[in-house]
PDB file of all heavy atoms in Angstrom:
ATOM      1  N   CYS A   1     -15.187 -11.508   4.702  1.00  0.00           N
ATOM      2  CA  CYS A   1     -15.095 -11.145   6.116  1.00  0.00           C
ATOM      3  C   CYS A   1     -16.189 -10.139   6.455  1.00  0.00           C
ATOM      4  O   CYS A   1     -16.651  -9.388   5.590  1.00  0.00           O
ATOM      5  CB  CYS A   1     -13.739 -10.514   6.421  1.00  0.00           C
ATOM      6  SG  CYS A   1     -12.316 -11.526   5.989  1.00  0.00           S
ATOM      7  N   GLY A   2     -16.544 -10.094   7.715  1.00  0.00           N
ATOM      8  CA  GLY A   2     -17.453  -9.074   8.187  1.00  0.00           C
ATOM      9  C   GLY A   2     -16.757  -7.736   8.268  1.00  0.00           C
ATOM     10  O   GLY A   2     -15.554  -7.655   8.499  1.00  0.00           O
ATOM     11  N   CYS A   3     -17.511  -6.662   8.082  1.00  0.00           N
ATOM     12  CA  CYS A   3     -16.958  -5.310   8.143  1.00  0.00           C
ATOM     13  C   CYS A   3     -17.330  -4.677   9.479  1.00  0.00           C
ATOM     14  O   CYS A   3     -18.517  -4.638   9.829  1.00  0.00           O
ATOM     15  CB  CYS A   3     -17.504  -4.471   6.992  1.00  0.00           C
ATOM     16  SG  CYS A   3     -16.993  -2.740   7.040  1.00  0.00           S
ATOM     17  N   PRO A   4     -16.343  -4.164  10.253  1.00  0.00           N
ATOM     18  CA  PRO A   4     -16.665  -3.595  11.571  1.00  0.00           C
ATOM     19  C   PRO A   4     -17.492  -2.321  11.489  1.00  0.00           C
ATOM     20  O   PRO A   4     -18.202  -1.987  12.433  1.00  0.00           O
ATOM     21  CB  PRO A   4     -15.290  -3.322  12.189  1.00  0.00           C
ATOM     22  CG  PRO A   4     -14.364  -3.194  11.026  1.00  0.00           C
ATOM     23  CD  PRO A   4     -14.906  -4.127   9.981  1.00  0.00           C
ATOM     24  N   VAL A   5     -17.403  -1.598  10.378  1.00  0.00           N
ATOM     25  CA  VAL A   5     -18.147  -0.359  10.228  1.00  0.00           C
ATOM     26  C   VAL A   5     -19.528  -0.609   9.634  1.00  0.00           C
ATOM     27  O   VAL A   5     -20.506   0.042  10.001  1.00  0.00           O
ATOM     28  CB  VAL A   5     -17.353   0.641   9.353  1.00  0.00           C
ATOM     29  CG1 VAL A   5     -18.161   1.918   9.108  1.00  0.00           C
ATOM     30  CG2 VAL A   5     -16.029   0.978  10.016  1.00  0.00           C
ATOM     31  N   HIS A   6     -19.606  -1.571   8.717  1.00  0.00           N
ATOM     32  CA  HIS A   6     -20.871  -1.927   8.076  1.00  0.00           C
ATOM     33  C   HIS A   6     -21.097  -3.434   8.269  1.00  0.00           C
ATOM     34  O   HIS A   6     -20.852  -4.229   7.362  1.00  0.00           O
ATOM     35  CB  HIS A   6     -20.841  -1.579   6.585  1.00  0.00           C
ATOM     36  CG  HIS A   6     -20.600  -0.116   6.331  1.00  0.00           C
ATOM     37  ND1 HIS A   6     -19.342   0.412   6.187  1.00  0.00           N
ATOM     38  CD2 HIS A   6     -21.467   0.919   6.220  1.00  0.00           C
ATOM     39  CE1 HIS A   6     -19.442   1.713   5.982  1.00  0.00           C
ATOM     40  NE2 HIS A   6     -20.714   2.056   5.999  1.00  0.00           N
ATOM     41  N   PRO A   7     -21.542  -3.844   9.459  1.00  0.00           N
ATOM     42  CA  PRO A   7     -21.622  -5.270   9.784  1.00  0.00           C
ATOM     43  C   PRO A   7     -22.602  -6.061   8.921  1.00  0.00           C
ATOM     44  O   PRO A   7     -22.542  -7.295   8.891  1.00  0.00           O
ATOM     45  CB  PRO A   7     -22.060  -5.274  11.261  1.00  0.00           C
ATOM     46  CG  PRO A   7     -22.652  -3.931  11.490  1.00  0.00           C
ATOM     47  CD  PRO A   7     -21.940  -2.990  10.574  1.00  0.00           C
ATOM     48  N   TRP A   8     -23.483  -5.363   8.215  1.00  0.00           N
ATOM     49  CA  TRP A   8     -24.426  -6.074   7.357  1.00  0.00           C
ATOM     50  C   TRP A   8     -23.812  -6.418   5.995  1.00  0.00           C
ATOM     51  O   TRP A   8     -24.431  -7.084   5.182  1.00  0.00           O
ATOM     52  CB  TRP A   8     -25.678  -5.223   7.145  1.00  0.00           C
ATOM     53  CG  TRP A   8     -25.396  -3.876   6.541  1.00  0.00           C
ATOM     54  CD1 TRP A   8     -25.365  -3.545   5.226  1.00  0.00           C
ATOM     55  CD2 TRP A   8     -25.067  -2.694   7.265  1.00  0.00           C
ATOM     56  NE1 TRP A   8     -25.038  -2.224   5.068  1.00  0.00           N
ATOM     57  CE2 TRP A   8     -24.854  -1.666   6.303  1.00  0.00           C
ATOM     58  CE3 TRP A   8     -24.946  -2.390   8.624  1.00  0.00           C
ATOM     59  CZ2 TRP A   8     -24.526  -0.365   6.670  1.00  0.00           C
ATOM     60  CZ3 TRP A   8     -24.602  -1.091   8.974  1.00  0.00           C
ATOM     61  CH2 TRP A   8     -24.399  -0.103   8.008  1.00  0.00           C
ATOM     62  N   LYS A   9     -22.575  -5.936   5.760  1.00  0.00           N
ATOM     63  CA  LYS A   9     -21.909  -6.199   4.492  1.00  0.00           C
ATOM     64  C   LYS A   9     -20.796  -7.225   4.676  1.00  0.00           C
ATOM     65  O   LYS A   9     -20.120  -7.245   5.692  1.00  0.00           O
ATOM     66  CB  LYS A   9     -21.297  -4.914   3.920  1.00  0.00           C
ATOM     67  CG  LYS A   9     -22.295  -3.893   3.434  1.00  0.00           C
ATOM     68  CD  LYS A   9     -21.563  -2.702   2.812  1.00  0.00           C
ATOM     69  CE  LYS A   9     -22.537  -1.661   2.285  1.00  0.00           C
ATOM     70  NZ  LYS A   9     -21.821  -0.505   1.693  1.00  0.00           N
ATOM     71  N   LYS A  10     -20.604  -8.059   3.678  1.00  0.00           N
ATOM     72  CA  LYS A  10     -19.461  -8.951   3.632  1.00  0.00           C
ATOM     73  C   LYS A  10     -18.434  -8.377   2.669  1.00  0.00           C
ATOM     74  O   LYS A  10     -18.776  -7.952   1.562  1.00  0.00           O
ATOM     75  CB  LYS A  10     -19.883 -10.353   3.160  1.00  0.00           C
ATOM     76  CG  LYS A  10     -20.684 -11.133   4.191  1.00  0.00           C
ATOM     77  CD  LYS A  10     -19.814 -11.521   5.378  1.00  0.00           C
ATOM     78  CE  LYS A  10     -20.580 -12.402   6.358  1.00  0.00           C
ATOM     79  NZ  LYS A  10     -19.732 -12.785   7.511  1.00  0.00           N
ATOM     80  N   LYS A  11     -17.185  -8.336   3.090  1.00  0.00           N
ATOM     81  CA  LYS A  11     -16.121  -7.770   2.280  1.00  0.00           C
ATOM     82  C   LYS A  11     -15.108  -8.847   1.946  1.00  0.00           C
ATOM     83  O   LYS A  11     -14.824  -9.735   2.760  1.00  0.00           O
ATOM     84  CB  LYS A  11     -15.413  -6.641   3.028  1.00  0.00           C
ATOM     85  CG  LYS A  11     -16.332  -5.577   3.605  1.00  0.00           C
ATOM     86  CD  LYS A  11     -17.016  -4.773   2.536  1.00  0.00           C
ATOM     87  CE  LYS A  11     -16.069  -3.868   1.811  1.00  0.00           C
ATOM     88  NZ  LYS A  11     -16.768  -2.991   0.834  1.00  0.00           N
ATOM     89  N   THR A  12     -14.565  -8.791   0.742  1.00  0.00           N
ATOM     90  CA  THR A  12     -13.464  -9.677   0.383  1.00  0.00           C
ATOM     91  C   THR A  12     -12.187  -9.140   1.016  1.00  0.00           C
ATOM     92  O   THR A  12     -11.834  -7.967   0.825  1.00  0.00           O
ATOM     93  CB  THR A  12     -13.290  -9.750  -1.139  1.00  0.00           C
ATOM     94  OG1 THR A  12     -14.486 -10.248  -1.723  1.00  0.00           O
ATOM     95  CG2 THR A  12     -12.138 -10.680  -1.502  1.00  0.00           C
ATOM     96  N   CYS A  13     -11.494  -9.987   1.783  1.00  0.00           N
ATOM     97  CA  CYS A  13     -10.286  -9.563   2.498  1.00  0.00           C
ATOM     98  C   CYS A  13      -9.088 -10.355   2.005  1.00  0.00           C
ATOM     99  O   CYS A  13      -9.192 -11.567   1.767  1.00  0.00           O
ATOM    100  CB  CYS A  13     -10.445  -9.802   4.001  1.00  0.00           C
ATOM    101  SG  CYS A  13     -11.741  -8.843   4.783  1.00  0.00           S
ATOM    102  N   TRP A  14      -7.959  -9.678   1.863  1.00  0.00           N
ATOM    103  CA  TRP A  14      -6.703 -10.373   1.609  1.00  0.00           C
ATOM    104  C   TRP A  14      -6.086 -10.709   2.956  1.00  0.00           C
ATOM    105  O   TRP A  14      -5.796  -9.825   3.762  1.00  0.00           O
ATOM    106  CB  TRP A  14      -5.761  -9.478   0.813  1.00  0.00           C
ATOM    107  CG  TRP A  14      -4.430 -10.098   0.534  1.00  0.00           C
ATOM    108  CD1 TRP A  14      -4.177 -11.307  -0.028  1.00  0.00           C
ATOM    109  CD2 TRP A  14      -3.149  -9.516   0.799  1.00  0.00           C
ATOM    110  NE1 TRP A  14      -2.829 -11.518  -0.133  1.00  0.00           N
ATOM    111  CE2 TRP A  14      -2.173 -10.435   0.365  1.00  0.00           C
ATOM    112  CE3 TRP A  14      -2.738  -8.296   1.346  1.00  0.00           C
ATOM    113  CZ2 TRP A  14      -0.807 -10.191   0.463  1.00  0.00           C
ATOM    114  CZ3 TRP A  14      -1.375  -8.046   1.450  1.00  0.00           C
ATOM    115  CH2 TRP A  14      -0.423  -8.977   1.008  1.00  0.00           C
ATOM    116  N   LEU A  15      -5.891 -11.995   3.226  1.00  0.00           N
ATOM    117  CA  LEU A  15      -5.381 -12.440   4.519  1.00  0.00           C
ATOM    118  C   LEU A  15      -4.284 -13.480   4.305  1.00  0.00           C
ATOM    119  O   LEU A  15      -4.102 -14.018   3.217  1.00  0.00           O
ATOM    120  CB  LEU A  15      -6.510 -13.037   5.363  1.00  0.00           C
ATOM    121  CG  LEU A  15      -7.663 -12.094   5.750  1.00  0.00           C
ATOM    122  CD1 LEU A  15      -8.773 -12.874   6.442  1.00  0.00           C
ATOM    123  CD2 LEU A  15      -7.166 -10.966   6.642  1.00  0.00           C
ATOM    124  N   GLY A  16      -3.574 -13.774   5.365  1.00  0.00           N
ATOM    125  CA  GLY A  16      -2.615 -14.868   5.337  1.00  0.00           C
ATOM    126  C   GLY A  16      -1.216 -14.489   4.902  1.00  0.00           C
ATOM    127  O   GLY A  16      -0.392 -15.369   4.641  1.00  0.00           O
ATOM    128  N   SER A  17      -0.890 -13.206   4.813  1.00  0.00           N
ATOM    129  CA  SER A  17       0.447 -12.793   4.399  1.00  0.00           C
ATOM    130  C   SER A  17       1.169 -12.094   5.551  1.00  0.00           C
ATOM    131  O   SER A  17       0.578 -11.289   6.272  1.00  0.00           O
ATOM    132  CB  SER A  17       0.364 -11.839   3.207  1.00  0.00           C
ATOM    133  OG  SER A  17       1.641 -11.301   2.922  1.00  0.00           O
ATOM    134  N   ALA A  18       2.462 -12.387   5.679  1.00  0.00           N
ATOM    135  CA  ALA A  18       3.276 -11.703   6.688  1.00  0.00           C
ATOM    136  C   ALA A  18       3.377 -10.211   6.401  1.00  0.00           C
ATOM    137  O   ALA A  18       3.627  -9.413   7.307  1.00  0.00           O
ATOM    138  CB  ALA A  18       4.670 -12.328   6.728  1.00  0.00           C
ATOM    139  N   ALA A  19       3.179  -9.821   5.147  1.00  0.00           N
ATOM    140  CA  ALA A  19       3.239  -8.399   4.787  1.00  0.00           C
ATOM    141  C   ALA A  19       2.149  -7.612   5.501  1.00  0.00           C
ATOM    142  O   ALA A  19       2.356  -6.442   5.858  1.00  0.00           O
ATOM    143  CB  ALA A  19       3.099  -8.243   3.273  1.00  0.00           C
ATOM    144  N   LEU A  20       0.997  -8.202   5.713  1.00  0.00           N
ATOM    145  CA  LEU A  20      -0.087  -7.523   6.429  1.00  0.00           C
ATOM    146  C   LEU A  20       0.298  -7.273   7.886  1.00  0.00           C
ATOM    147  O   LEU A  20       0.029  -6.206   8.433  1.00  0.00           O
ATOM    148  CB  LEU A  20      -1.365  -8.350   6.359  1.00  0.00           C
ATOM    149  CG  LEU A  20      -2.067  -8.389   5.005  1.00  0.00           C
ATOM    150  CD1 LEU A  20      -3.115  -9.495   4.999  1.00  0.00           C
ATOM    151  CD2 LEU A  20      -2.706  -7.051   4.683  1.00  0.00           C
ATOM    152  N   ALA A  21       0.919  -8.268   8.510  1.00  0.00           N
ATOM    153  CA  ALA A  21       1.355  -8.103   9.901  1.00  0.00           C
ATOM    154  C   ALA A  21       2.399  -6.997  10.000  1.00  0.00           C
ATOM    155  O   ALA A  21       2.362  -6.160  10.905  1.00  0.00           O
ATOM    156  CB  ALA A  21       1.920  -9.415  10.441  1.00  0.00           C
ATOM    157  N   ALA A  22       3.346  -6.972   9.042  1.00  0.00           N
ATOM    158  CA  ALA A  22       4.378  -5.931   9.053  1.00  0.00           C
ATOM    159  C   ALA A  22       3.763  -4.546   8.866  1.00  0.00           C
ATOM    160  O   ALA A  22       4.143  -3.577   9.538  1.00  0.00           O
ATOM    161  CB  ALA A  22       5.400  -6.206   7.950  1.00  0.00           C
ATOM    162  N   ALA A  23       2.800  -4.437   7.946  1.00  0.00           N
ATOM    163  CA  ALA A  23       2.146  -3.148   7.713  1.00  0.00           C
ATOM    164  C   ALA A  23       1.317  -2.722   8.918  1.00  0.00           C
ATOM    165  O   ALA A  23       1.251  -1.538   9.256  1.00  0.00           O
ATOM    166  CB  ALA A  23       1.275  -3.219   6.464  1.00  0.00           C
ATOM    167  N   ALA A  24       0.661  -3.676   9.586  1.00  0.00           N
ATOM    168  CA  ALA A  24      -0.116  -3.351  10.784  1.00  0.00           C
ATOM    169  C   ALA A  24       0.798  -2.860  11.905  1.00  0.00           C
ATOM    170  O   ALA A  24       0.490  -1.873  12.591  1.00  0.00           O
ATOM    171  CB  ALA A  24      -0.901  -4.584  11.242  1.00  0.00           C
ATOM    172  N   ASP A  25       1.936  -3.526  12.096  1.00  0.00           N
ATOM    173  CA  ASP A  25       2.892  -3.091  13.117  1.00  0.00           C
ATOM    174  C   ASP A  25       3.413  -1.681  12.806  1.00  0.00           C
ATOM    175  O   ASP A  25       3.516  -0.828  13.700  1.00  0.00           O
ATOM    176  CB  ASP A  25       4.074  -4.059  13.190  1.00  0.00           C
ATOM    177  CG  ASP A  25       3.668  -5.449  13.658  1.00  0.00           C
ATOM    178  OD1 ASP A  25       2.576  -5.592  14.241  1.00  0.00           O
ATOM    179  OD2 ASP A  25       4.443  -6.399  13.421  1.00  0.00           O
ATOM    180  N   ALA A  26       3.739  -1.434  11.537  1.00  0.00           N
ATOM    181  CA  ALA A  26       4.236  -0.115  11.147  1.00  0.00           C
ATOM    182  C   ALA A  26       3.178   0.955  11.367  1.00  0.00           C
ATOM    183  O   ALA A  26       3.494   2.084  11.771  1.00  0.00           O
ATOM    184  CB  ALA A  26       4.669  -0.131   9.681  1.00  0.00           C
ATOM    185  N   THR A  27       1.913   0.615  11.111  1.00  0.00           N
ATOM    186  CA  THR A  27       0.812   1.551  11.333  1.00  0.00           C
ATOM    187  C   THR A  27       0.782   2.012  12.782  1.00  0.00           C
ATOM    188  O   THR A  27       0.689   3.213  13.075  1.00  0.00           O
ATOM    189  CB  THR A  27      -0.535   0.899  10.977  1.00  0.00           C
ATOM    190  OG1 THR A  27      -0.522   0.482   9.605  1.00  0.00           O
ATOM    191  CG2 THR A  27      -1.691   1.861  11.201  1.00  0.00           C
ATOM    192  N   VAL A  28       0.872   1.065  13.705  1.00  0.00           N
ATOM    193  CA  VAL A  28       0.791   1.389  15.128  1.00  0.00           C
ATOM    194  C   VAL A  28       2.022   2.180  15.575  1.00  0.00           C
ATOM    195  O   VAL A  28       1.908   3.182  16.308  1.00  0.00           O
ATOM    196  CB  VAL A  28       0.624   0.095  15.956  1.00  0.00           C
ATOM    197  CG1 VAL A  28       0.742   0.379  17.453  1.00  0.00           C
ATOM    198  CG2 VAL A  28      -0.720  -0.560  15.650  1.00  0.00           C
ATOM    199  N   ILE A  29       3.196   1.769  15.133  1.00  0.00           N
ATOM    200  CA  ILE A  29       4.429   2.457  15.544  1.00  0.00           C
ATOM    201  C   ILE A  29       4.451   3.893  15.036  1.00  0.00           C
ATOM    202  O   ILE A  29       4.739   4.837  15.794  1.00  0.00           O
ATOM    203  CB  ILE A  29       5.657   1.676  15.036  1.00  0.00           C
ATOM    204  CG1 ILE A  29       5.797   0.354  15.812  1.00  0.00           C
ATOM    205  CG2 ILE A  29       6.936   2.515  15.183  1.00  0.00           C
ATOM    206  CD1 ILE A  29       6.809  -0.606  15.218  1.00  0.00           C
ATOM    207  N   LEU A  30       4.136   4.094  13.771  1.00  0.00           N
ATOM    208  CA  LEU A  30       4.160   5.446  13.219  1.00  0.00           C
ATOM    209  C   LEU A  30       3.080   6.327  13.833  1.00  0.00           C
ATOM    210  O   LEU A  30       3.297   7.520  14.070  1.00  0.00           O
ATOM    211  CB  LEU A  30       4.007   5.389  11.707  1.00  0.00           C
ATOM    212  CG  LEU A  30       5.297   5.036  10.948  1.00  0.00           C
ATOM    213  CD1 LEU A  30       4.987   4.683   9.500  1.00  0.00           C
ATOM    214  CD2 LEU A  30       6.285   6.179  11.000  1.00  0.00           C
ATOM    215  N   THR A  31       1.923   5.745  14.102  1.00  0.00           N
ATOM    216  CA  THR A  31       0.853   6.511  14.741  1.00  0.00           C
ATOM    217  C   THR A  31       1.273   6.945  16.138  1.00  0.00           C
ATOM    218  O   THR A  31       1.050   8.092  16.549  1.00  0.00           O
ATOM    219  CB  THR A  31      -0.436   5.688  14.817  1.00  0.00           C
ATOM    220  OG1 THR A  31      -0.846   5.332  13.493  1.00  0.00           O
ATOM    221  CG2 THR A  31      -1.552   6.478  15.492  1.00  0.00           C
ATOM    222  N   TRP A  32       1.909   6.051  16.882  1.00  0.00           N
ATOM    223  CA  TRP A  32       2.379   6.382  18.229  1.00  0.00           C
ATOM    224  C   TRP A  32       3.343   7.569  18.203  1.00  0.00           C
ATOM    225  O   TRP A  32       3.190   8.531  18.948  1.00  0.00           O
ATOM    226  CB  TRP A  32       3.056   5.165  18.867  1.00  0.00           C
ATOM    227  CG  TRP A  32       3.768   5.479  20.143  1.00  0.00           C
ATOM    228  CD1 TRP A  32       5.097   5.755  20.306  1.00  0.00           C
ATOM    229  CD2 TRP A  32       3.184   5.606  21.447  1.00  0.00           C
ATOM    230  NE1 TRP A  32       5.388   6.012  21.627  1.00  0.00           N
ATOM    231  CE2 TRP A  32       4.222   5.935  22.342  1.00  0.00           C
ATOM    232  CE3 TRP A  32       1.897   5.458  21.933  1.00  0.00           C
ATOM    233  CZ2 TRP A  32       4.012   6.120  23.698  1.00  0.00           C
ATOM    234  CZ3 TRP A  32       1.675   5.645  23.299  1.00  0.00           C
ATOM    235  CH2 TRP A  32       2.721   5.967  24.158  1.00  0.00           C
ATOM    236  N   TRP A  33       4.330   7.494  17.326  1.00  0.00           N
ATOM    237  CA  TRP A  33       5.332   8.562  17.306  1.00  0.00           C
ATOM    238  C   TRP A  33       4.776   9.858  16.733  1.00  0.00           C
ATOM    239  O   TRP A  33       5.201  10.950  17.131  1.00  0.00           O
ATOM    240  CB  TRP A  33       6.582   8.100  16.555  1.00  0.00           C
ATOM    241  CG  TRP A  33       7.363   7.130  17.381  1.00  0.00           C
ATOM    242  CD1 TRP A  33       7.560   5.803  17.140  1.00  0.00           C
ATOM    243  CD2 TRP A  33       8.014   7.408  18.627  1.00  0.00           C
ATOM    244  NE1 TRP A  33       8.293   5.234  18.140  1.00  0.00           N
ATOM    245  CE2 TRP A  33       8.590   6.194  19.070  1.00  0.00           C
ATOM    246  CE3 TRP A  33       8.164   8.544  19.398  1.00  0.00           C
ATOM    247  CZ2 TRP A  33       9.306   6.108  20.258  1.00  0.00           C
ATOM    248  CZ3 TRP A  33       8.880   8.462  20.587  1.00  0.00           C
ATOM    249  CH2 TRP A  33       9.448   7.256  21.000  1.00  0.00           C
ATOM    250  N   LYS A  34       3.806   9.759  15.855  1.00  0.00           N
ATOM    251  CA  LYS A  34       3.139  10.972  15.379  1.00  0.00           C
ATOM    252  C   LYS A  34       2.375  11.640  16.525  1.00  0.00           C
ATOM    253  O   LYS A  34       2.359  12.871  16.658  1.00  0.00           O
ATOM    254  CB  LYS A  34       2.181  10.631  14.231  1.00  0.00           C
ATOM    255  CG  LYS A  34       1.590  11.841  13.538  1.00  0.00           C
ATOM    256  CD  LYS A  34       0.754  11.430  12.343  1.00  0.00           C
ATOM    257  CE  LYS A  34       0.157  12.646  11.648  1.00  0.00           C
ATOM    258  NZ  LYS A  34      -0.682  12.273  10.487  1.00  0.00           N
ATOM    259  N   LEU A  35       1.761  10.838  17.377  1.00  0.00           N
ATOM    260  CA  LEU A  35       1.070  11.376  18.550  1.00  0.00           C
ATOM    261  C   LEU A  35       2.070  12.024  19.515  1.00  0.00           C
ATOM    262  O   LEU A  35       1.799  13.096  20.074  1.00  0.00           O
ATOM    263  CB  LEU A  35       0.303  10.268  19.270  1.00  0.00           C
ATOM    264  CG  LEU A  35      -0.936   9.728  18.559  1.00  0.00           C
ATOM    265  CD1 LEU A  35      -1.454   8.476  19.260  1.00  0.00           C
ATOM    266  CD2 LEU A  35      -2.032  10.790  18.488  1.00  0.00           C
ATOM    267  N   GLN A  36       3.229  11.390  19.711  1.00  0.00           N
ATOM    268  CA  GLN A  36       4.237  11.972  20.595  1.00  0.00           C
ATOM    269  C   GLN A  36       4.724  13.311  20.060  1.00  0.00           C
ATOM    270  O   GLN A  36       4.962  14.264  20.818  1.00  0.00           O
ATOM    271  CB  GLN A  36       5.424  11.013  20.750  1.00  0.00           C
ATOM    272  CG  GLN A  36       5.075   9.670  21.374  1.00  0.00           C
ATOM    273  CD  GLN A  36       4.303   9.806  22.665  1.00  0.00           C
ATOM    274  OE1 GLN A  36       4.751  10.467  23.604  1.00  0.00           O
ATOM    275  NE2 GLN A  36       3.130   9.189  22.725  1.00  0.00           N
ATOM    276  N   ASP A  37       4.852  13.398  18.740  1.00  0.00           N
ATOM    277  CA  ASP A  37       5.262  14.647  18.115  1.00  0.00           C
ATOM    278  C   ASP A  37       4.214  15.737  18.338  1.00  0.00           C
ATOM    279  O   ASP A  37       4.544  16.892  18.629  1.00  0.00           O
ATOM    280  CB  ASP A  37       5.480  14.412  16.617  1.00  0.00           C
ATOM    281  CG  ASP A  37       6.180  15.565  15.936  1.00  0.00           C
ATOM    282  OD1 ASP A  37       7.262  15.962  16.406  1.00  0.00           O
ATOM    283  OD2 ASP A  37       5.647  16.079  14.933  1.00  0.00           O
ATOM    284  N   ALA A  38       2.937  15.357  18.232  1.00  0.00           N
ATOM    285  CA  ALA A  38       1.854  16.328  18.450  1.00  0.00           C
ATOM    286  C   ALA A  38       1.793  16.763  19.914  1.00  0.00           C
ATOM    287  O   ALA A  38       1.505  17.925  20.219  1.00  0.00           O
ATOM    288  CB  ALA A  38       0.520  15.728  18.019  1.00  0.00           C
ATOM    289  N   ILE A  39       2.068  15.835  20.831  1.00  0.00           N
ATOM    290  CA  ILE A  39       2.078  16.180  22.256  1.00  0.00           C
ATOM    291  C   ILE A  39       3.171  17.208  22.548  1.00  0.00           C
ATOM    292  O   ILE A  39       2.991  18.129  23.350  1.00  0.00           O
ATOM    293  CB  ILE A  39       2.282  14.909  23.113  1.00  0.00           C
ATOM    294  CG1 ILE A  39       1.035  14.013  23.033  1.00  0.00           C
ATOM    295  CG2 ILE A  39       2.595  15.266  24.562  1.00  0.00           C
ATOM    296  CD1 ILE A  39       1.232  12.633  23.628  1.00  0.00           C
ATOM    297  N   ARG A  40       4.291  17.071  21.872  1.00  0.00           N
ATOM    298  CA  ARG A  40       5.413  17.992  22.101  1.00  0.00           C
ATOM    299  C   ARG A  40       5.207  19.338  21.404  1.00  0.00           C
ATOM    300  O   ARG A  40       5.515  20.387  21.988  1.00  0.00           O
ATOM    301  CB  ARG A  40       6.713  17.358  21.602  1.00  0.00           C
ATOM    302  CG  ARG A  40       7.917  18.280  21.729  1.00  0.00           C
ATOM    303  CD  ARG A  40       9.229  17.555  21.534  1.00  0.00           C
ATOM    304  NE  ARG A  40       9.332  16.907  20.243  1.00  0.00           N
ATOM    305  CZ  ARG A  40      10.393  16.198  19.847  1.00  0.00           C
ATOM    306  NH1 ARG A  40      11.417  16.044  20.674  1.00  0.00           N
ATOM    307  NH2 ARG A  40      10.425  15.631  18.666  1.00  0.00           N
ATOM    308  N   ASP A  41       4.661  19.329  20.193  1.00  0.00           N
ATOM    309  CA  ASP A  41       4.676  20.550  19.379  1.00  0.00           C
ATOM    310  C   ASP A  41       3.299  21.138  19.074  1.00  0.00           C
ATOM    311  O   ASP A  41       3.223  22.240  18.517  1.00  0.00           O
ATOM    312  CB  ASP A  41       5.377  20.274  18.035  1.00  0.00           C
ATOM    313  CG  ASP A  41       6.834  19.889  18.228  1.00  0.00           C
ATOM    314  OD1 ASP A  41       7.448  20.345  19.207  1.00  0.00           O
ATOM    315  OD2 ASP A  41       7.360  19.112  17.403  1.00  0.00           O
ATOM    316  N   GLY A  42       2.216  20.435  19.410  1.00  0.00           N
ATOM    317  CA  GLY A  42       0.893  20.914  19.047  1.00  0.00           C
ATOM    318  C   GLY A  42       0.368  21.997  19.972  1.00  0.00           C
ATOM    319  O   GLY A  42       0.960  22.300  21.016  1.00  0.00           O
ATOM    320  N   ASP A  43      -0.777  22.588  19.586  1.00  0.00           N
ATOM    321  CA  ASP A  43      -1.425  23.544  20.481  1.00  0.00           C
ATOM    322  C   ASP A  43      -2.125  22.788  21.607  1.00  0.00           C
ATOM    323  O   ASP A  43      -2.105  21.549  21.656  1.00  0.00           O
ATOM    324  CB  ASP A  43      -2.409  24.444  19.716  1.00  0.00           C
ATOM    325  CG  ASP A  43      -3.491  23.659  18.983  1.00  0.00           C
ATOM    326  OD1 ASP A  43      -3.864  22.555  19.442  1.00  0.00           O
ATOM    327  OD2 ASP A  43      -3.991  24.152  17.947  1.00  0.00           O
ATOM    328  N   LEU A  44      -2.759  23.516  22.516  1.00  0.00           N
ATOM    329  CA  LEU A  44      -3.332  22.886  23.706  1.00  0.00           C
ATOM    330  C   LEU A  44      -4.358  21.816  23.353  1.00  0.00           C
ATOM    331  O   LEU A  44      -4.331  20.714  23.914  1.00  0.00           O
ATOM    332  CB  LEU A  44      -3.981  23.954  24.592  1.00  0.00           C
ATOM    333  CG  LEU A  44      -4.661  23.443  25.871  1.00  0.00           C
ATOM    334  CD1 LEU A  44      -3.658  22.722  26.761  1.00  0.00           C
ATOM    335  CD2 LEU A  44      -5.329  24.604  26.618  1.00  0.00           C
ATOM    336  N   ALA A  45      -5.259  22.124  22.415  1.00  0.00           N
ATOM    337  CA  ALA A  45      -6.293  21.162  22.046  1.00  0.00           C
ATOM    338  C   ALA A  45      -5.677  19.923  21.408  1.00  0.00           C
ATOM    339  O   ALA A  45      -6.079  18.785  21.704  1.00  0.00           O
ATOM    340  CB  ALA A  45      -7.292  21.820  21.082  1.00  0.00           C
ATOM    341  N   GLU A  46      -4.694  20.127  20.535  1.00  0.00           N
ATOM    342  CA  GLU A  46      -4.053  18.999  19.867  1.00  0.00           C
ATOM    343  C   GLU A  46      -3.269  18.148  20.855  1.00  0.00           C
ATOM    344  O   GLU A  46      -3.288  16.912  20.788  1.00  0.00           O
ATOM    345  CB  GLU A  46      -3.134  19.495  18.758  1.00  0.00           C
ATOM    346  CG  GLU A  46      -2.585  18.393  17.873  1.00  0.00           C
ATOM    347  CD  GLU A  46      -1.759  18.922  16.718  1.00  0.00           C
ATOM    348  OE1 GLU A  46      -1.475  20.144  16.693  1.00  0.00           O
ATOM    349  OE2 GLU A  46      -1.383  18.115  15.851  1.00  0.00           O
ATOM    350  N   ARG A  47      -2.599  18.802  21.801  1.00  0.00           N
ATOM    351  CA  ARG A  47      -1.851  18.042  22.813  1.00  0.00           C
ATOM    352  C   ARG A  47      -2.797  17.199  23.668  1.00  0.00           C
ATOM    353  O   ARG A  47      -2.495  16.044  23.985  1.00  0.00           O
ATOM    354  CB  ARG A  47      -1.050  19.000  23.705  1.00  0.00           C
ATOM    355  CG  ARG A  47       0.105  19.693  23.006  1.00  0.00           C
ATOM    356  CD  ARG A  47       1.121  20.234  23.992  1.00  0.00           C
ATOM    357  NE  ARG A  47       0.523  21.125  24.981  1.00  0.00           N
ATOM    358  CZ  ARG A  47       0.406  22.439  24.831  1.00  0.00           C
ATOM    359  NH1 ARG A  47       0.829  23.011  23.701  1.00  0.00           N
ATOM    360  NH2 ARG A  47      -0.120  23.181  25.771  1.00  0.00           N
TER     361      ARG A  47
END
């Protein structure tokens, strides 16, 4: 696969598993709630 950060490189990717979709969904959900936590409890710059 092409690499979004280094487009001149080809990377071997593991694809085709439902586990990847589950991990991607968990990544977004946990990131969202971590951001909500920072909005509530962080300093001004972090909020």
